[in-house]
Amino acid sequence: MQFSTVLLALAASASAAVIPRDGQGQWVVNMSLGPEPQSVYIHAEFTSDEYPEDKKLRSTCVEAPNATLPVAHGCDRAAFDFSFDGKTIKLQQNLPNGITVFGEAPFEGGNKYEGIIPVTSAIA
């Protein structure tokens, strides 16, 4: 009897460790480059367990230093920001609950990116 109790407890803890627990969230991102040189347009929608689809946080940003009306770097939400170095897309968002989340993804090239970027870290 003792052996089966220990075995069940061990099996339960091992299986619990395998279950993914990524409740921190993710962004659905659409990014396009151009048509002007160095222009980046990004739209991101953040969702998580706390911010499901019906409460997702939407953000849009522009970086167009060479446009007719130049924009050095601007986002429609002060709580959201991004950086792009030509190889990596990095996102940062201050959530209404006081947590700041971060995520990044490699950019494969071309003039578009469409994908999901998961939260890789968070601070309170």
PDB file of N, CA and C in Angstrom:
ATOM      1  N   MET A   1       0.809  -1.198   0.000  1.00  0.00           N
ATOM      2  CA  MET A   1       0.000   0.000   0.000  1.00  0.00           C
ATOM      3  C   MET A   1       0.853   1.264   0.000  1.00  0.00           C
ATOM      4  N   GLN A   2       1.894   1.294   0.854  1.00  0.00           N
ATOM      5  CA  GLN A   2       2.738   2.483   0.903  1.00  0.00           C
ATOM      6  C   GLN A   2       3.422   2.711  -0.434  1.00  0.00           C
ATOM      7  N   PHE A   3       3.835   1.632  -1.090  1.00  0.00           N
ATOM      8  CA  PHE A   3       4.516   1.755  -2.374  1.00  0.00           C
ATOM      9  C   PHE A   3       3.594   2.395  -3.409  1.00  0.00           C
ATOM     10  N   SER A   4       2.318   1.974  -3.459  1.00  0.00           N
ATOM     11  CA  SER A   4       1.417   2.541  -4.461  1.00  0.00           C
ATOM     12  C   SER A   4       1.079   3.995  -4.157  1.00  0.00           C
ATOM     13  N   THR A   5       1.015   4.396  -2.902  1.00  0.00           N
ATOM     14  CA  THR A   5       0.758   5.790  -2.565  1.00  0.00           C
ATOM     15  C   THR A   5       1.928   6.663  -3.007  1.00  0.00           C
ATOM     16  N   VAL A   6       3.144   6.202  -2.737  1.00  0.00           N
ATOM     17  CA  VAL A   6       4.338   6.945  -3.144  1.00  0.00           C
ATOM     18  C   VAL A   6       4.420   7.004  -4.664  1.00  0.00           C
ATOM     19  N   LEU A   7       4.130   5.886  -5.317  1.00  0.00           N
ATOM     20  CA  LEU A   7       4.175   5.838  -6.776  1.00  0.00           C
ATOM     21  C   LEU A   7       3.140   6.788  -7.389  1.00  0.00           C
ATOM     22  N   LEU A   8       1.933   6.818  -6.831  1.00  0.00           N
ATOM     23  CA  LEU A   8       0.900   7.730  -7.325  1.00  0.00           C
ATOM     24  C   LEU A   8       1.304   9.194  -7.119  1.00  0.00           C
ATOM     25  N   ALA A   9       1.872   9.504  -5.966  1.00  0.00           N
ATOM     26  CA  ALA A   9       2.307  10.878  -5.702  1.00  0.00           C
ATOM     27  C   ALA A   9       3.421  11.284  -6.662  1.00  0.00           C
ATOM     28  N   LEU A  10       4.358  10.369  -6.901  1.00  0.00           N
ATOM     29  CA  LEU A  10       5.451  10.644  -7.833  1.00  0.00           C
ATOM     30  C   LEU A  10       4.917  10.827  -9.251  1.00  0.00           C
ATOM     31  N   ALA A  11       4.006   9.979  -9.668  1.00  0.00           N
ATOM     32  CA  ALA A  11       3.424  10.089 -11.007  1.00  0.00           C
ATOM     33  C   ALA A  11       2.645  11.393 -11.156  1.00  0.00           C
ATOM     34  N   ALA A  12       1.917  11.787 -10.129  1.00  0.00           N
ATOM     35  CA  ALA A  12       1.145  13.030 -10.188  1.00  0.00           C
ATOM     36  C   ALA A  12       2.063  14.241 -10.288  1.00  0.00           C
ATOM     37  N   SER A  13       3.151  14.246  -9.519  1.00  0.00           N
ATOM     38  CA  SER A  13       4.054  15.393  -9.589  1.00  0.00           C
ATOM     39  C   SER A  13       4.804  15.424 -10.911  1.00  0.00           C
ATOM     40  N   ALA A  14       5.157  14.275 -11.454  1.00  0.00           N
ATOM     41  CA  ALA A  14       5.854  14.233 -12.742  1.00  0.00           C
ATOM     42  C   ALA A  14       4.938  14.689 -13.866  1.00  0.00           C
ATOM     43  N   SER A  15       3.686  14.266 -13.858  1.00  0.00           N
ATOM     44  CA  SER A  15       2.779  14.673 -14.931  1.00  0.00           C
ATOM     45  C   SER A  15       2.416  16.148 -14.808  1.00  0.00           C
ATOM     46  N   ALA A  16       2.352  16.673 -13.592  1.00  0.00           N
ATOM     47  CA  ALA A  16       2.057  18.092 -13.421  1.00  0.00           C
ATOM     48  C   ALA A  16       3.188  18.947 -13.969  1.00  0.00           C
ATOM     49  N   ALA A  17       4.415  18.467 -13.881  1.00  0.00           N
ATOM     50  CA  ALA A  17       5.553  19.229 -14.385  1.00  0.00           C
ATOM     51  C   ALA A  17       5.558  19.293 -15.906  1.00  0.00           C
ATOM     52  N   VAL A  18       4.931  18.340 -16.564  1.00  0.00           N
ATOM     53  CA  VAL A  18       4.927  18.284 -18.019  1.00  0.00           C
ATOM     54  C   VAL A  18       3.866  19.198 -18.621  1.00  0.00           C
ATOM     55  N   ILE A  19       2.824  19.494 -17.886  1.00  0.00           N
ATOM     56  CA  ILE A  19       1.724  20.308 -18.403  1.00  0.00           C
ATOM     57  C   ILE A  19       2.197  21.748 -18.583  1.00  0.00           C
ATOM     58  N   PRO A  20       2.066  22.312 -19.793  1.00  0.00           N
ATOM     59  CA  PRO A  20       2.485  23.699 -19.987  1.00  0.00           C
ATOM     60  C   PRO A  20       1.589  24.662 -19.223  1.00  0.00           C
ATOM     61  N   ARG A  21       2.205  25.653 -18.626  1.00  0.00           N
ATOM     62  CA  ARG A  21       1.447  26.637 -17.852  1.00  0.00           C
ATOM     63  C   ARG A  21       1.766  28.035 -18.348  1.00  0.00           C
ATOM     64  N   ASP A  22       1.505  28.306 -19.597  1.00  0.00           N
ATOM     65  CA  ASP A  22       1.816  29.603 -20.170  1.00  0.00           C
ATOM     66  C   ASP A  22       0.595  30.501 -20.120  1.00  0.00           C
ATOM     67  N   GLY A  23       0.280  30.992 -18.938  1.00  0.00           N
ATOM     68  CA  GLY A  23      -0.843  31.893 -18.806  1.00  0.00           C
ATOM     69  C   GLY A  23      -0.439  33.351 -18.915  1.00  0.00           C
ATOM     70  N   GLN A  24       0.850  33.617 -19.213  1.00  0.00           N
ATOM     71  CA  GLN A  24       1.332  34.998 -19.273  1.00  0.00           C
ATOM     72  C   GLN A  24       0.803  35.744 -20.485  1.00  0.00           C
ATOM     73  N   GLY A  25       0.511  35.038 -21.567  1.00  0.00           N
ATOM     74  CA  GLY A  25      -0.098  35.686 -22.712  1.00  0.00           C
ATOM     75  C   GLY A  25       0.726  35.657 -23.978  1.00  0.00           C
ATOM     76  N   GLN A  26       0.169  36.344 -24.980  1.00  0.00           N
ATOM     77  CA  GLN A  26       0.784  36.371 -26.304  1.00  0.00           C
ATOM     78  C   GLN A  26       0.209  37.535 -27.093  1.00  0.00           C
ATOM     79  N   TRP A  27       0.925  37.914 -28.135  1.00  0.00           N
ATOM     80  CA  TRP A  27       0.449  38.924 -29.073  1.00  0.00           C
ATOM     81  C   TRP A  27       0.233  38.281 -30.431  1.00  0.00           C
ATOM     82  N   VAL A  28      -0.845  38.624 -31.097  1.00  0.00           N
ATOM     83  CA  VAL A  28      -1.014  38.315 -32.513  1.00  0.00           C
ATOM     84  C   VAL A  28      -0.522  39.569 -33.223  1.00  0.00           C
ATOM     85  N   VAL A  29       0.517  39.406 -34.036  1.00  0.00           N
ATOM     86  CA  VAL A  29       1.220  40.562 -34.600  1.00  0.00           C
ATOM     87  C   VAL A  29       1.144  40.566 -36.121  1.00  0.00           C
ATOM     88  N   ASN A  30       0.853  41.725 -36.668  1.00  0.00           N
ATOM     89  CA  ASN A  30       0.953  41.986 -38.105  1.00  0.00           C
ATOM     90  C   ASN A  30       1.896  43.170 -38.256  1.00  0.00           C
ATOM     91  N   MET A  31       3.000  42.946 -38.959  1.00  0.00           N
ATOM     92  CA  MET A  31       3.978  44.002 -39.167  1.00  0.00           C
ATOM     93  C   MET A  31       4.287  44.098 -40.650  1.00  0.00           C
ATOM     94  N   SER A  32       4.399  45.326 -41.146  1.00  0.00           N
ATOM     95  CA  SER A  32       4.810  45.509 -42.538  1.00  0.00           C
ATOM     96  C   SER A  32       5.904  46.566 -42.592  1.00  0.00           C
ATOM     97  N   LEU A  33       6.766  46.416 -43.570  1.00  0.00           N
ATOM     98  CA  LEU A  33       7.876  47.341 -43.779  1.00  0.00           C
ATOM     99  C   LEU A  33       7.634  48.122 -45.058  1.00  0.00           C
ATOM    100  N   GLY A  34       8.007  49.410 -45.047  1.00  0.00           N
ATOM    101  CA  GLY A  34       7.883  50.230 -46.249  1.00  0.00           C
ATOM    102  C   GLY A  34       6.528  50.890 -46.339  1.00  0.00           C
ATOM    103  N   PRO A  35       6.228  51.553 -47.413  1.00  0.00           N
ATOM    104  CA  PRO A  35       7.004  51.603 -48.650  1.00  0.00           C
ATOM    105  C   PRO A  35       8.228  52.512 -48.560  1.00  0.00           C
ATOM    106  N   GLU A  36       8.234  53.485 -47.631  1.00  0.00           N
ATOM    107  CA  GLU A  36       9.408  54.330 -47.482  1.00  0.00           C
ATOM    108  C   GLU A  36      10.516  53.550 -46.779  1.00  0.00           C
ATOM    109  N   PRO A  37      11.781  53.873 -47.047  1.00  0.00           N
ATOM    110  CA  PRO A  37      12.882  53.200 -46.344  1.00  0.00           C
ATOM    111  C   PRO A  37      12.767  53.403 -44.836  1.00  0.00           C
ATOM    112  N   GLN A  38      13.074  52.392 -44.085  1.00  0.00           N
ATOM    113  CA  GLN A  38      13.074  52.387 -42.618  1.00  0.00           C
ATOM    114  C   GLN A  38      11.685  52.571 -42.008  1.00  0.00           C
ATOM    115  N   SER A  39      10.622  52.333 -42.765  1.00  0.00           N
ATOM    116  CA  SER A  39       9.266  52.458 -42.234  1.00  0.00           C
ATOM    117  C   SER A  39       8.777  51.121 -41.703  1.00  0.00           C
ATOM    118  N   VAL A  40       8.223  51.151 -40.495  1.00  0.00           N
ATOM    119  CA  VAL A  40       7.690  49.957 -39.845  1.00  0.00           C
ATOM    120  C   VAL A  40       6.286  50.289 -39.356  1.00  0.00           C
ATOM    121  N   TYR A  41       5.328  49.449 -39.714  1.00  0.00           N
ATOM    122  CA  TYR A  41       3.950  49.569 -39.246  1.00  0.00           C
ATOM    123  C   TYR A  41       3.618  48.270 -38.528  1.00  0.00           C
ATOM    124  N   ILE A  42       3.152  48.375 -37.281  1.00  0.00           N
ATOM    125  CA  ILE A  42       2.884  47.165 -36.503  1.00  0.00           C
ATOM    126  C   ILE A  42       1.532  47.287 -35.798  1.00  0.00           C
ATOM    127  N   HIS A  43       0.780  46.194 -35.837  1.00  0.00           N
ATOM    128  CA  HIS A  43      -0.485  46.088 -35.108  1.00  0.00           C
ATOM    129  C   HIS A  43      -0.389  44.823 -34.263  1.00  0.00           C
ATOM    130  N   ALA A  44      -0.659  44.954 -32.964  1.00  0.00           N
ATOM    131  CA  ALA A  44      -0.552  43.816 -32.054  1.00  0.00           C
ATOM    132  C   ALA A  44      -1.805  43.732 -31.192  1.00  0.00           C
ATOM    133  N   GLU A  45      -2.254  42.498 -30.957  1.00  0.00           N
ATOM    134  CA  GLU A  45      -3.401  42.245 -30.082  1.00  0.00           C
ATOM    135  C   GLU A  45      -2.958  41.274 -29.001  1.00  0.00           C
ATOM    136  N   PHE A  46      -2.972  41.752 -27.749  1.00  0.00           N
ATOM    137  CA  PHE A  46      -2.519  40.942 -26.623  1.00  0.00           C
ATOM    138  C   PHE A  46      -3.692  40.198 -26.004  1.00  0.00           C
ATOM    139  N   THR A  47      -3.507  38.904 -25.776  1.00  0.00           N
ATOM    140  CA  THR A  47      -4.485  38.091 -25.046  1.00  0.00           C
ATOM    141  C   THR A  47      -3.748  37.232 -24.027  1.00  0.00           C
ATOM    142  N   SER A  48      -4.451  36.865 -22.975  1.00  0.00           N
ATOM    143  CA  SER A  48      -3.929  35.970 -21.942  1.00  0.00           C
ATOM    144  C   SER A  48      -5.128  35.387 -21.202  1.00  0.00           C
ATOM    145  N   ASP A  49      -4.850  34.613 -20.158  1.00  0.00           N
ATOM    146  CA  ASP A  49      -5.943  34.088 -19.341  1.00  0.00           C
ATOM    147  C   ASP A  49      -6.750  35.236 -18.732  1.00  0.00           C
ATOM    148  N   GLU A  50      -6.055  36.284 -18.305  1.00  0.00           N
ATOM    149  CA  GLU A  50      -6.717  37.423 -17.673  1.00  0.00           C
ATOM    150  C   GLU A  50      -7.346  38.381 -18.694  1.00  0.00           C
ATOM    151  N   TYR A  51      -6.809  38.386 -19.914  1.00  0.00           N
ATOM    152  CA  TYR A  51      -7.315  39.252 -20.988  1.00  0.00           C
ATOM    153  C   TYR A  51      -7.691  38.379 -22.183  1.00  0.00           C
ATOM    154  N   PRO A  52      -8.840  37.688 -22.099  1.00  0.00           N
ATOM    155  CA  PRO A  52      -9.249  36.793 -23.189  1.00  0.00           C
ATOM    156  C   PRO A  52      -9.650  37.579 -24.439  1.00  0.00           C
ATOM    157  N   GLU A  53     -10.048  36.860 -25.449  1.00  0.00           N
ATOM    158  CA  GLU A  53     -10.362  37.438 -26.763  1.00  0.00           C
ATOM    159  C   GLU A  53     -11.300  38.646 -26.672  1.00  0.00           C
ATOM    160  N   ASP A  54     -12.323  38.576 -25.813  1.00  0.00           N
ATOM    161  CA  ASP A  54     -13.276  39.691 -25.721  1.00  0.00           C
ATOM    162  C   ASP A  54     -12.730  40.889 -24.935  1.00  0.00           C
ATOM    163  N   LYS A  55     -11.558  40.728 -24.298  1.00  0.00           N
ATOM    164  CA  LYS A  55     -10.931  41.826 -23.554  1.00  0.00           C
ATOM    165  C   LYS A  55      -9.507  42.080 -24.039  1.00  0.00           C
ATOM    166  N   LYS A  56      -9.200  41.642 -25.267  1.00  0.00           N
ATOM    167  CA  LYS A  56      -7.832  41.777 -25.770  1.00  0.00           C
ATOM    168  C   LYS A  56      -7.423  43.243 -25.842  1.00  0.00           C
ATOM    169  N   LEU A  57      -6.131  43.466 -25.732  1.00  0.00           N
ATOM    170  CA  LEU A  57      -5.575  44.811 -25.754  1.00  0.00           C
ATOM    171  C   LEU A  57      -4.954  45.053 -27.126  1.00  0.00           C
ATOM    172  N   ARG A  58      -5.482  46.022 -27.853  1.00  0.00           N
ATOM    173  CA  ARG A  58      -5.010  46.313 -29.217  1.00  0.00           C
ATOM    174  C   ARG A  58      -4.070  47.513 -29.203  1.00  0.00           C
ATOM    175  N   SER A  59      -3.025  47.434 -30.012  1.00  0.00           N
ATOM    176  CA  SER A  59      -2.067  48.529 -30.131  1.00  0.00           C
ATOM    177  C   SER A  59      -1.582  48.624 -31.568  1.00  0.00           C
ATOM    178  N   THR A  60      -1.352  49.851 -32.019  1.00  0.00           N
ATOM    179  CA  THR A  60      -0.816  50.091 -33.352  1.00  0.00           C
ATOM    180  C   THR A  60       0.326  51.095 -33.236  1.00  0.00           C
ATOM    181  N   CYS A  61       1.424  50.807 -33.948  1.00  0.00           N
ATOM    182  CA  CYS A  61       2.600  51.674 -33.901  1.00  0.00           C
ATOM    183  C   CYS A  61       3.114  51.950 -35.303  1.00  0.00           C
ATOM    184  N   VAL A  62       3.795  53.083 -35.423  1.00  0.00           N
ATOM    185  CA  VAL A  62       4.393  53.490 -36.692  1.00  0.00           C
ATOM    186  C   VAL A  62       5.785  54.040 -36.413  1.00  0.00           C
ATOM    187  N   GLU A  63       6.691  53.669 -37.279  1.00  0.00           N
ATOM    188  CA  GLU A  63       8.018  54.273 -37.296  1.00  0.00           C
ATOM    189  C   GLU A  63       8.299  54.574 -38.759  1.00  0.00           C
ATOM    190  N   ALA A  64       8.246  55.842 -39.129  1.00  0.00           N
ATOM    191  CA  ALA A  64       8.394  56.229 -40.535  1.00  0.00           C
ATOM    192  C   ALA A  64       9.184  57.534 -40.636  1.00  0.00           C
ATOM    193  N   PRO A  65      10.483  57.480 -40.376  1.00  0.00           N
ATOM    194  CA  PRO A  65      11.280  58.710 -40.362  1.00  0.00           C
ATOM    195  C   PRO A  65      11.433  59.372 -41.727  1.00  0.00           C
ATOM    196  N   ASN A  66      11.235  58.631 -42.823  1.00  0.00           N
ATOM    197  CA  ASN A  66      11.412  59.187 -44.166  1.00  0.00           C
ATOM    198  C   ASN A  66      10.099  59.453 -44.893  1.00  0.00           C
ATOM    199  N   ALA A  67       8.980  59.382 -44.188  1.00  0.00           N
ATOM    200  CA  ALA A  67       7.675  59.629 -44.809  1.00  0.00           C
ATOM    201  C   ALA A  67       7.485  61.126 -45.056  1.00  0.00           C
ATOM    202  N   THR A  68       6.478  61.464 -45.856  1.00  0.00           N
ATOM    203  CA  THR A  68       6.166  62.868 -46.124  1.00  0.00           C
ATOM    204  C   THR A  68       5.902  63.615 -44.822  1.00  0.00           C
ATOM    205  N   LEU A  69       5.144  62.995 -43.931  1.00  0.00           N
ATOM    206  CA  LEU A  69       4.962  63.492 -42.569  1.00  0.00           C
ATOM    207  C   LEU A  69       5.704  62.527 -41.645  1.00  0.00           C
ATOM    208  N   PRO A  70       6.964  62.784 -41.342  1.00  0.00           N
ATOM    209  CA  PRO A  70       7.779  61.822 -40.605  1.00  0.00           C
ATOM    210  C   PRO A  70       7.248  61.525 -39.201  1.00  0.00           C
ATOM    211  N   VAL A  71       7.381  60.278 -38.814  1.00  0.00           N
ATOM    212  CA  VAL A  71       7.068  59.827 -37.464  1.00  0.00           C
ATOM    213  C   VAL A  71       8.297  59.073 -36.980  1.00  0.00           C
ATOM    214  N   ALA A  72       8.986  59.625 -35.988  1.00  0.00           N
ATOM    215  CA  ALA A  72      10.193  58.975 -35.490  1.00  0.00           C
ATOM    216  C   ALA A  72       9.851  57.614 -34.888  1.00  0.00           C
ATOM    217  N   HIS A  73       8.869  57.582 -34.012  1.00  0.00           N
ATOM    218  CA  HIS A  73       8.440  56.339 -33.370  1.00  0.00           C
ATOM    219  C   HIS A  73       7.207  56.685 -32.552  1.00  0.00           C
ATOM    220  N   GLY A  74       6.073  56.098 -32.868  1.00  0.00           N
ATOM    221  CA  GLY A  74       4.864  56.412 -32.130  1.00  0.00           C
ATOM    222  C   GLY A  74       3.894  55.257 -32.074  1.00  0.00           C
ATOM    223  N   CYS A  75       3.244  55.124 -30.920  1.00  0.00           N
ATOM    224  CA  CYS A  75       2.225  54.087 -30.722  1.00  0.00           C
ATOM    225  C   CYS A  75       0.946  54.755 -30.224  1.00  0.00           C
ATOM    226  N   ASP A  76      -0.191  54.165 -30.563  1.00  0.00           N
ATOM    227  CA  ASP A  76      -1.464  54.738 -30.143  1.00  0.00           C
ATOM    228  C   ASP A  76      -1.766  54.480 -28.675  1.00  0.00           C
ATOM    229  N   ARG A  77      -1.040  53.615 -28.033  1.00  0.00           N
ATOM    230  CA  ARG A  77      -1.217  53.315 -26.611  1.00  0.00           C
ATOM    231  C   ARG A  77       0.128  53.512 -25.913  1.00  0.00           C
ATOM    232  N   ALA A  78       0.141  54.336 -24.888  1.00  0.00           N
ATOM    233  CA  ALA A  78       1.386  54.575 -24.154  1.00  0.00           C
ATOM    234  C   ALA A  78       1.877  53.310 -23.452  1.00  0.00           C
ATOM    235  N   ALA A  79       0.978  52.377 -23.188  1.00  0.00           N
ATOM    236  CA  ALA A  79       1.341  51.159 -22.469  1.00  0.00           C
ATOM    237  C   ALA A  79       2.062  50.135 -23.340  1.00  0.00           C
ATOM    238  N   PHE A  80       2.134  50.370 -24.652  1.00  0.00           N
ATOM    239  CA  PHE A  80       2.729  49.402 -25.580  1.00  0.00           C
ATOM    240  C   PHE A  80       3.927  50.032 -26.278  1.00  0.00           C
ATOM    241  N   ASP A  81       4.950  49.219 -26.519  1.00  0.00           N
ATOM    242  CA  ASP A  81       6.089  49.691 -27.304  1.00  0.00           C
ATOM    243  C   ASP A  81       6.730  48.507 -28.016  1.00  0.00           C
ATOM    244  N   PHE A  82       7.505  48.813 -29.038  1.00  0.00           N
ATOM    245  CA  PHE A  82       8.197  47.783 -29.798  1.00  0.00           C
ATOM    246  C   PHE A  82       9.556  48.312 -30.230  1.00  0.00           C
ATOM    247  N   SER A  83      10.424  47.384 -30.583  1.00  0.00           N
ATOM    248  CA  SER A  83      11.669  47.749 -31.253  1.00  0.00           C
ATOM    249  C   SER A  83      11.919  46.711 -32.336  1.00  0.00           C
ATOM    250  N   PHE A  84      12.572  47.150 -33.394  1.00  0.00           N
ATOM    251  CA  PHE A  84      12.861  46.277 -34.526  1.00  0.00           C
ATOM    252  C   PHE A  84      14.216  46.671 -35.091  1.00  0.00           C
ATOM    253  N   ASP A  85      15.142  45.720 -35.092  1.00  0.00           N
ATOM    254  CA  ASP A  85      16.493  45.994 -35.579  1.00  0.00           C
ATOM    255  C   ASP A  85      16.770  45.367 -36.945  1.00  0.00           C
ATOM    256  N   GLY A  86      15.714  44.894 -37.603  1.00  0.00           N
ATOM    257  CA  GLY A  86      15.874  44.232 -38.893  1.00  0.00           C
ATOM    258  C   GLY A  86      15.968  42.724 -38.776  1.00  0.00           C
ATOM    259  N   LYS A  87      16.242  42.222 -37.561  1.00  0.00           N
ATOM    260  CA  LYS A  87      16.370  40.781 -37.336  1.00  0.00           C
ATOM    261  C   LYS A  87      15.417  40.257 -36.268  1.00  0.00           C
ATOM    262  N   THR A  88      15.085  41.106 -35.295  1.00  0.00           N
ATOM    263  CA  THR A  88      14.261  40.674 -34.167  1.00  0.00           C
ATOM    264  C   THR A  88      13.178  41.712 -33.883  1.00  0.00           C
ATOM    265  N   ILE A  89      11.958  41.222 -33.642  1.00  0.00           N
ATOM    266  CA  ILE A  89      10.843  42.068 -33.217  1.00  0.00           C
ATOM    267  C   ILE A  89      10.735  41.907 -31.707  1.00  0.00           C
ATOM    268  N   LYS A  90      10.815  42.999 -30.972  1.00  0.00           N
ATOM    269  CA  LYS A  90      10.697  42.960 -29.514  1.00  0.00           C
ATOM    270  C   LYS A  90       9.489  43.784 -29.098  1.00  0.00           C
ATOM    271  N   LEU A  91       8.680  43.212 -28.205  1.00  0.00           N
ATOM    272  CA  LEU A  91       7.467  43.872 -27.731  1.00  0.00           C
ATOM    273  C   LEU A  91       7.522  44.052 -26.223  1.00  0.00           C
ATOM    274  N   GLN A  92       6.881  45.107 -25.755  1.00  0.00           N
ATOM    275  CA  GLN A  92       6.759  45.372 -24.324  1.00  0.00           C
ATOM    276  C   GLN A  92       5.397  45.991 -24.087  1.00  0.00           C
ATOM    277  N   GLN A  93       4.700  45.530 -23.047  1.00  0.00           N
ATOM    278  CA  GLN A  93       3.380  46.083 -22.756  1.00  0.00           C
ATOM    279  C   GLN A  93       3.161  46.149 -21.256  1.00  0.00           C
ATOM    280  N   ASN A  94       2.704  47.317 -20.792  1.00  0.00           N
ATOM    281  CA  ASN A  94       2.298  47.492 -19.401  1.00  0.00           C
ATOM    282  C   ASN A  94       0.812  47.165 -19.337  1.00  0.00           C
ATOM    283  N   LEU A  95       0.479  46.110 -18.617  1.00  0.00           N
ATOM    284  CA  LEU A  95      -0.913  45.668 -18.530  1.00  0.00           C
ATOM    285  C   LEU A  95      -1.670  46.461 -17.471  1.00  0.00           C
ATOM    286  N   PRO A  96      -2.987  46.555 -17.590  1.00  0.00           N
ATOM    287  CA  PRO A  96      -3.786  47.273 -16.590  1.00  0.00           C
ATOM    288  C   PRO A  96      -3.632  46.712 -15.177  1.00  0.00           C
ATOM    289  N   ASN A  97      -3.237  45.442 -15.041  1.00  0.00           N
ATOM    290  CA  ASN A  97      -3.074  44.844 -13.714  1.00  0.00           C
ATOM    291  C   ASN A  97      -1.734  45.193 -13.069  1.00  0.00           C
ATOM    292  N   GLY A  98      -0.909  46.029 -13.733  1.00  0.00           N
ATOM    293  CA  GLY A  98       0.361  46.464 -13.162  1.00  0.00           C
ATOM    294  C   GLY A  98       1.566  45.642 -13.570  1.00  0.00           C
ATOM    295  N   ILE A  99       1.363  44.583 -14.319  1.00  0.00           N
ATOM    296  CA  ILE A  99       2.465  43.732 -14.774  1.00  0.00           C
ATOM    297  C   ILE A  99       2.945  44.219 -16.137  1.00  0.00           C
ATOM    298  N   THR A 100       4.252  44.202 -16.340  1.00  0.00           N
ATOM    299  CA  THR A 100       4.834  44.523 -17.641  1.00  0.00           C
ATOM    300  C   THR A 100       5.316  43.226 -18.265  1.00  0.00           C
ATOM    301  N   VAL A 101       4.878  42.962 -19.490  1.00  0.00           N
ATOM    302  CA  VAL A 101       5.241  41.726 -20.186  1.00  0.00           C
ATOM    303  C   VAL A 101       6.127  42.051 -21.385  1.00  0.00           C
ATOM    304  N   PHE A 102       6.996  41.095 -21.715  1.00  0.00           N
ATOM    305  CA  PHE A 102       7.951  41.242 -22.803  1.00  0.00           C
ATOM    306  C   PHE A 102       7.899  40.008 -23.692  1.00  0.00           C
ATOM    307  N   GLY A 103       8.152  40.197 -24.962  1.00  0.00           N
ATOM    308  CA  GLY A 103       8.230  39.075 -25.893  1.00  0.00           C
ATOM    309  C   GLY A 103       9.063  39.458 -27.095  1.00  0.00           C
ATOM    310  N   GLU A 104       9.567  38.452 -27.785  1.00  0.00           N
ATOM    311  CA  GLU A 104      10.342  38.722 -28.992  1.00  0.00           C
ATOM    312  C   GLU A 104      10.274  37.539 -29.938  1.00  0.00           C
ATOM    313  N   ALA A 105      10.523  37.839 -31.210  1.00  0.00           N
ATOM    314  CA  ALA A 105      10.503  36.805 -32.244  1.00  0.00           C
ATOM    315  C   ALA A 105      11.491  37.193 -33.337  1.00  0.00           C
ATOM    316  N   PRO A 106      12.100  36.188 -33.968  1.00  0.00           N
ATOM    317  CA  PRO A 106      13.002  36.485 -35.086  1.00  0.00           C
ATOM    318  C   PRO A 106      12.207  36.920 -36.310  1.00  0.00           C
ATOM    319  N   PHE A 107      12.815  37.778 -37.114  1.00  0.00           N
ATOM    320  CA  PHE A 107      12.208  38.221 -38.362  1.00  0.00           C
ATOM    321  C   PHE A 107      12.939  37.515 -39.490  1.00  0.00           C
ATOM    322  N   GLU A 108      12.187  36.796 -40.305  1.00  0.00           N
ATOM    323  CA  GLU A 108      12.777  35.963 -41.355  1.00  0.00           C
ATOM    324  C   GLU A 108      13.108  36.730 -42.630  1.00  0.00           C
ATOM    325  N   GLY A 109      12.751  37.986 -42.701  1.00  0.00           N
ATOM    326  CA  GLY A 109      13.020  38.776 -43.899  1.00  0.00           C
ATOM    327  C   GLY A 109      11.757  39.039 -44.689  1.00  0.00           C
ATOM    328  N   GLY A 110      11.893  39.758 -45.777  1.00  0.00           N
ATOM    329  CA  GLY A 110      10.743  40.146 -46.580  1.00  0.00           C
ATOM    330  C   GLY A 110      10.217  41.488 -46.132  1.00  0.00           C
ATOM    331  N   ASN A 111       8.959  41.757 -46.444  1.00  0.00           N
ATOM    332  CA  ASN A 111       8.375  43.033 -46.034  1.00  0.00           C
ATOM    333  C   ASN A 111       7.154  42.868 -45.140  1.00  0.00           C
ATOM    334  N   LYS A 112       6.918  41.629 -44.640  1.00  0.00           N
ATOM    335  CA  LYS A 112       5.774  41.370 -43.759  1.00  0.00           C
ATOM    336  C   LYS A 112       6.142  40.357 -42.687  1.00  0.00           C
ATOM    337  N   TYR A 113       5.451  40.485 -41.555  1.00  0.00           N
ATOM    338  CA  TYR A 113       5.499  39.471 -40.507  1.00  0.00           C
ATOM    339  C   TYR A 113       4.079  39.314 -40.002  1.00  0.00           C
ATOM    340  N   GLU A 114       3.612  38.088 -39.950  1.00  0.00           N
ATOM    341  CA  GLU A 114       2.316  37.770 -39.354  1.00  0.00           C
ATOM    342  C   GLU A 114       2.534  36.550 -38.483  1.00  0.00           C
ATOM    343  N   GLY A 115       2.269  36.684 -37.205  1.00  0.00           N
ATOM    344  CA  GLY A 115       2.485  35.546 -36.331  1.00  0.00           C
ATOM    345  C   GLY A 115       2.102  35.845 -34.899  1.00  0.00           C
ATOM    346  N   ILE A 116       2.368  34.855 -34.064  1.00  0.00           N
ATOM    347  CA  ILE A 116       2.083  34.944 -32.638  1.00  0.00           C
ATOM    348  C   ILE A 116       3.413  35.038 -31.907  1.00  0.00           C
ATOM    349  N   ILE A 117       3.528  36.048 -31.060  1.00  0.00           N
ATOM    350  CA  ILE A 117       4.728  36.224 -30.249  1.00  0.00           C
ATOM    351  C   ILE A 117       4.331  35.994 -28.796  1.00  0.00           C
ATOM    352  N   PRO A 118       4.866  34.936 -28.164  1.00  0.00           N
ATOM    353  CA  PRO A 118       4.509  34.658 -26.771  1.00  0.00           C
ATOM    354  C   PRO A 118       5.260  35.570 -25.801  1.00  0.00           C
ATOM    355  N   VAL A 119       4.691  35.753 -24.637  1.00  0.00           N
ATOM    356  CA  VAL A 119       5.375  36.471 -23.568  1.00  0.00           C
ATOM    357  C   VAL A 119       6.543  35.604 -23.119  1.00  0.00           C
ATOM    358  N   THR A 120       7.731  36.197 -23.064  1.00  0.00           N
ATOM    359  CA  THR A 120       8.916  35.455 -22.635  1.00  0.00           C
ATOM    360  C   THR A 120       9.334  35.818 -21.219  1.00  0.00           C
ATOM    361  N   SER A 121       8.908  36.987 -20.734  1.00  0.00           N
ATOM    362  CA  SER A 121       9.199  37.368 -19.355  1.00  0.00           C
ATOM    363  C   SER A 121       8.189  38.421 -18.907  1.00  0.00           C
ATOM    364  N   ALA A 122       8.110  38.582 -17.593  1.00  0.00           N
ATOM    365  CA  ALA A 122       7.178  39.553 -17.018  1.00  0.00           C
ATOM    366  C   ALA A 122       7.735  40.050 -15.693  1.00  0.00           C
ATOM    367  N   ILE A 123       7.437  41.313 -15.375  1.00  0.00           N
ATOM    368  CA  ILE A 123       7.812  41.872 -14.081  1.00  0.00           C
ATOM    369  C   ILE A 123       6.610  42.604 -13.498  1.00  0.00           C
ATOM    370  N   ALA A 124       6.553  42.609 -12.174  1.00  0.00           N
ATOM    371  CA  ALA A 124       5.438  43.287 -11.500  1.00  0.00           C
ATOM    372  C   ALA A 124       5.828  44.688 -11.109  1.00  0.00           C
TER     373      ALA A 124
END
